[in-house]
Amino acid sequence: MPTILLIEDDPTINDTLRYNFEREGYGTLAAEDGVVGLELARSARPDLIILDVVLPRLDGFSLCRTLREESDVPIILLTGRQDEIDRIAGLELGADDYLTKPFSFGELLARVRAILRRVDRQLLTNREILQVDALRIDTGSRRVWRGDEEISLAQKEYDLLLCLVRNRGIALSRELLLERVWGYDFSGDSRTVDVHIRWLRQKIELDPARPVLLRTLRGVGYRFESEPA
């Protein structure tokens, strides 16, 4: 069964939710502040996160924003405030759902099940395994390996790599990569692509100083190539 990470500073709510989710067959992890919650999200890779908005050390909105830069893990926000502005802010940061306290466990469980069903359908529909020489990409889990070693990529690094691999052998301009990976409304400039290419080379190239996969095309952009035989 899926694993749910609970990030909630009220120990009573944490304990109650853990007890009830485990009775339903789910695995659970729990954190009582935002910093520990972020560390657990990164290390344990839960299937879904239930996240309180008001947390010590790192608030739920900031944590949601950080997670969305790194991961597509489903997030349900919890809050004691009734303001619609908070709800809109949470959803715009990338949360999948929003629940106001007090709530029934039955309602929360129904939302968890609905989100996980949707994720499962998307994985079944969209999953691909892309293999280029020693590099392997699983688009369902958004995981990347070089040989037997898994490579940890941030969300935009993964999106950029996937775009390049799917268009391997084709020259892609910085402007086109910005449009496809960051979107039409991105306010940054082409140096964003250069920075992420540099980070990617550090992770996927055997020798980042002499890249053979992510090739620079001076005055144009970048091209992904197979490794030489």
Protein backbone atom coordinates (compact mmCIF):
# COMPACT_ATOMS: atom_id res chain seq x y z
CA MET A 1 0.00 0.00 0.00
CA PRO A 2 1.13 3.62 -0.49
CA THR A 3 3.07 5.53 2.16
CA ILE A 4 1.66 8.80 3.50
CA LEU A 5 3.85 11.47 5.10
CA LEU A 6 2.04 13.53 7.76
CA ILE A 7 3.61 16.94 8.47
CA GLU A 8 1.58 18.35 11.37
CA ASP A 9 2.78 20.07 14.56
CA ASP A 10 -0.16 18.92 16.70
CA PRO A 11 0.91 15.53 18.12
CA THR A 12 -2.70 14.53 18.83
CA ILE A 13 -3.71 15.03 15.18
CA ASN A 14 -0.54 13.29 14.03
CA ASP A 15 -1.13 10.26 16.25
CA THR A 16 -4.81 10.04 15.34
CA LEU A 17 -4.17 10.22 11.61
CA ARG A 18 -1.34 7.68 11.78
CA TYR A 19 -3.53 5.25 13.72
CA ASN A 20 -6.44 5.58 11.31
CA PHE A 21 -4.39 5.42 8.11
CA GLU A 22 -2.51 2.37 9.33
CA ARG A 23 -5.84 0.69 10.14
CA GLU A 24 -6.73 1.29 6.47
CA GLY A 25 -3.50 -0.44 5.41
CA TYR A 26 -1.37 2.61 4.53
CA GLY A 27 2.22 3.06 5.59
CA THR A 28 2.80 6.31 7.49
CA LEU A 29 5.62 8.66 8.38
CA ALA A 30 5.26 11.74 10.58
CA ALA A 31 7.05 15.03 11.24
CA GLU A 32 6.12 17.85 13.61
CA ASP A 33 7.97 20.72 11.91
CA GLY A 34 8.62 21.82 8.36
CA VAL A 35 12.37 21.21 8.26
CA VAL A 36 12.09 17.59 9.39
CA GLY A 37 9.13 17.16 7.05
CA LEU A 38 11.18 18.35 4.07
CA GLU A 39 14.04 16.00 4.97
CA LEU A 40 11.62 13.05 5.22
CA ALA A 41 9.94 13.97 1.93
CA ARG A 42 13.32 13.97 0.19
CA SER A 43 14.69 10.80 1.76
CA ALA A 44 11.60 8.58 2.03
CA ARG A 45 9.82 9.58 -1.21
CA PRO A 46 6.27 9.08 0.12
CA ASP A 47 3.36 8.53 -2.25
CA LEU A 48 1.35 11.42 -0.76
CA ILE A 49 1.95 14.22 1.75
CA ILE A 50 -0.59 15.70 4.16
CA LEU A 51 0.80 19.09 5.10
CA ASP A 52 -0.31 21.56 7.77
CA VAL A 53 -0.01 25.22 6.77
CA VAL A 54 1.13 26.51 10.18
CA LEU A 55 4.37 24.75 11.16
CA PRO A 56 7.45 25.63 13.22
CA ARG A 57 10.76 26.43 11.48
CA LEU A 58 9.34 26.16 7.93
CA ASP A 59 5.70 26.96 7.17
CA GLY A 60 3.51 24.78 4.97
CA PHE A 61 3.30 27.22 2.07
CA SER A 62 7.10 27.54 1.86
CA LEU A 63 7.46 23.77 2.17
CA CYS A 64 4.88 23.20 -0.57
CA ARG A 65 6.73 25.62 -2.86
CA THR A 66 10.05 23.85 -2.25
CA LEU A 67 8.57 20.40 -2.82
CA ARG A 68 7.00 21.50 -6.09
CA GLU A 69 10.40 22.59 -7.39
CA GLU A 70 11.71 19.07 -6.75
CA SER A 71 8.83 16.63 -7.01
CA ASP A 72 5.31 15.90 -8.28
CA VAL A 73 4.30 14.10 -5.07
CA PRO A 74 0.59 14.74 -4.32
CA ILE A 75 0.06 17.24 -1.48
CA ILE A 76 -3.06 17.86 0.62
CA LEU A 77 -2.88 21.06 2.70
CA LEU A 78 -4.51 21.33 6.13
CA THR A 79 -5.36 24.66 7.77
CA GLY A 80 -7.36 25.99 10.69
CA ARG A 81 -8.19 29.18 8.77
CA GLN A 82 -11.28 29.60 6.65
CA ASP A 83 -9.92 32.31 4.32
CA GLU A 84 -10.44 31.63 0.62
CA ILE A 85 -7.20 33.51 -0.06
CA ASP A 86 -5.24 30.82 1.78
CA ARG A 87 -6.97 28.11 -0.22
CA ILE A 88 -6.20 29.83 -3.51
CA ALA A 89 -2.59 30.48 -2.48
CA GLY A 90 -2.09 26.83 -1.57
CA LEU A 91 -3.52 25.55 -4.83
CA GLU A 92 -1.47 28.02 -6.86
CA LEU A 93 1.69 26.79 -5.12
CA GLY A 94 0.93 23.33 -6.46
CA ALA A 95 -1.10 21.60 -3.74
CA ASP A 96 -3.52 18.99 -5.09
CA ASP A 97 -6.23 19.54 -2.48
CA TYR A 98 -7.04 21.66 0.57
CA LEU A 99 -8.94 20.74 3.74
CA THR A 100 -10.04 23.08 6.54
CA LYS A 101 -9.93 22.01 10.19
CA PRO A 102 -11.89 20.53 11.83
CA PHE A 103 -12.47 17.73 9.34
CA SER A 104 -13.60 14.12 9.53
CA PHE A 105 -11.15 11.33 8.86
CA GLY A 106 -13.67 9.87 6.40
CA GLU A 107 -13.52 13.01 4.24
CA LEU A 108 -9.72 13.10 4.33
CA LEU A 109 -9.52 9.39 3.48
CA ALA A 110 -11.86 9.87 0.51
CA ARG A 111 -9.66 12.68 -0.84
CA VAL A 112 -6.48 10.64 -0.35
CA ARG A 113 -7.98 7.69 -2.22
CA ALA A 114 -9.24 9.90 -5.07
CA ILE A 115 -5.82 11.52 -5.56
CA LEU A 116 -3.95 8.21 -5.45
CA ARG A 117 -6.39 6.66 -7.96
CA ARG A 118 -5.79 9.58 -10.31
CA VAL A 119 -2.02 9.25 -9.95
CA ASP A 120 -2.21 5.49 -10.64
CA ARG A 121 -4.23 6.08 -13.82
CA GLN A 122 -1.74 8.70 -15.02
CA LEU A 123 1.18 6.35 -14.39
CA LEU A 124 -0.46 3.52 -16.30
CA THR A 125 -1.28 5.83 -19.21
CA ASN A 126 1.92 7.85 -19.45
CA ARG A 127 4.71 5.60 -18.22
CA GLU A 128 7.70 5.10 -20.48
CA ILE A 129 11.15 3.62 -19.96
CA LEU A 130 13.66 5.57 -22.03
CA GLN A 131 17.09 3.97 -22.46
CA VAL A 132 19.99 5.84 -24.03
CA ASP A 133 23.22 3.90 -23.62
CA ALA A 134 23.87 3.66 -19.86
CA LEU A 135 21.21 6.26 -19.02
CA ARG A 136 17.70 5.03 -18.13
CA ILE A 137 14.65 7.22 -17.40
CA ASP A 138 11.39 5.96 -15.89
CA THR A 139 8.80 8.62 -16.70
CA GLY A 140 6.22 7.04 -14.41
CA SER A 141 8.27 7.42 -11.24
CA ARG A 142 10.37 10.34 -12.61
CA ARG A 143 13.55 8.47 -11.68
CA VAL A 144 16.86 8.34 -13.56
CA TRP A 145 19.72 5.84 -13.45
CA ARG A 146 23.17 5.69 -14.95
CA GLY A 147 23.92 2.00 -15.04
CA ASP A 148 22.91 0.66 -11.62
CA GLU A 149 23.32 4.01 -9.86
CA GLU A 150 20.23 6.18 -9.35
CA ILE A 151 20.72 9.89 -10.03
CA SER A 152 18.86 12.40 -7.85
CA LEU A 153 17.47 15.25 -9.96
CA ALA A 154 15.45 18.31 -9.02
CA GLN A 155 12.16 18.75 -10.84
CA LYS A 156 13.43 21.18 -13.50
CA GLU A 157 16.62 19.19 -14.03
CA TYR A 158 14.49 16.12 -14.71
CA ASP A 159 12.11 18.03 -17.03
CA LEU A 160 15.04 19.50 -18.96
CA LEU A 161 16.76 16.13 -19.32
CA LEU A 162 13.54 14.47 -20.49
CA CYS A 163 12.98 17.18 -23.11
CA LEU A 164 16.53 16.78 -24.43
CA VAL A 165 16.42 12.96 -24.46
CA ARG A 166 13.08 12.85 -26.28
CA ASN A 167 14.62 15.12 -28.93
CA ARG A 168 18.07 13.51 -28.98
CA GLY A 169 20.15 14.36 -31.99
CA ILE A 170 18.18 17.57 -32.56
CA ALA A 171 19.59 21.04 -31.87
CA LEU A 172 17.35 22.86 -29.35
CA SER A 173 17.73 26.58 -28.79
CA ARG A 174 17.76 28.04 -25.29
CA GLU A 175 14.55 29.89 -26.07
CA LEU A 176 12.79 26.67 -27.13
CA LEU A 177 13.98 24.86 -23.99
CA LEU A 178 12.74 27.75 -21.83
CA GLU A 179 9.34 27.55 -23.49
CA ARG A 180 8.99 23.76 -23.20
CA VAL A 181 10.43 23.28 -19.72
CA TRP A 182 9.65 26.52 -17.88
CA GLY A 183 6.55 27.64 -19.83
CA TYR A 184 5.46 30.66 -21.80
CA ASP A 185 5.03 32.89 -18.75
CA PHE A 186 8.49 32.30 -17.26
CA SER A 187 10.10 35.66 -16.48
CA GLY A 188 13.75 34.55 -16.40
CA ASP A 189 16.28 34.54 -19.24
CA SER A 190 18.28 31.98 -21.19
CA ARG A 191 20.99 31.83 -18.51
CA THR A 192 18.54 29.69 -16.52
CA VAL A 193 18.98 26.95 -19.13
CA ASP A 194 22.79 27.24 -18.98
CA VAL A 195 22.79 26.88 -15.20
CA HIS A 196 20.55 23.79 -15.27
CA ILE A 197 22.66 22.24 -18.06
CA ARG A 198 25.74 22.72 -15.89
CA TRP A 199 23.99 21.03 -12.93
CA LEU A 200 22.85 18.16 -15.17
CA ARG A 201 26.36 17.60 -16.49
CA GLN A 202 27.63 17.32 -12.92
CA LYS A 203 25.19 14.47 -12.37
CA ILE A 204 25.02 12.49 -15.62
CA GLU A 205 28.35 13.00 -17.40
CA LEU A 206 31.33 10.78 -16.55
CA ASP A 207 33.54 13.84 -16.99
CA PRO A 208 31.51 17.08 -16.71
CA ALA A 209 34.49 19.08 -18.01
CA ARG A 210 34.36 17.05 -21.26
CA PRO A 211 30.66 16.38 -21.84
CA VAL A 212 29.66 13.80 -24.43
CA LEU A 213 25.90 13.63 -23.76
CA LEU A 214 24.89 17.27 -23.33
CA ARG A 215 26.67 19.04 -26.16
CA THR A 216 26.84 22.82 -26.43
CA LEU A 217 26.12 24.28 -29.86
CA ARG A 218 27.77 27.68 -29.80
CA GLY A 219 25.35 30.44 -30.68
CA VAL A 220 22.42 27.99 -30.84
CA GLY A 221 21.77 25.95 -27.72
CA TYR A 222 22.17 22.29 -26.81
CA ARG A 223 21.86 18.80 -28.24
CA PHE A 224 21.62 15.43 -26.47
CA GLU A 225 23.73 12.74 -28.09
CA SER A 226 24.51 9.08 -27.48
CA GLU A 227 27.86 8.25 -25.98
CA PRO A 228 30.55 7.36 -28.53
CA ALA A 229 31.18 3.64 -28.95
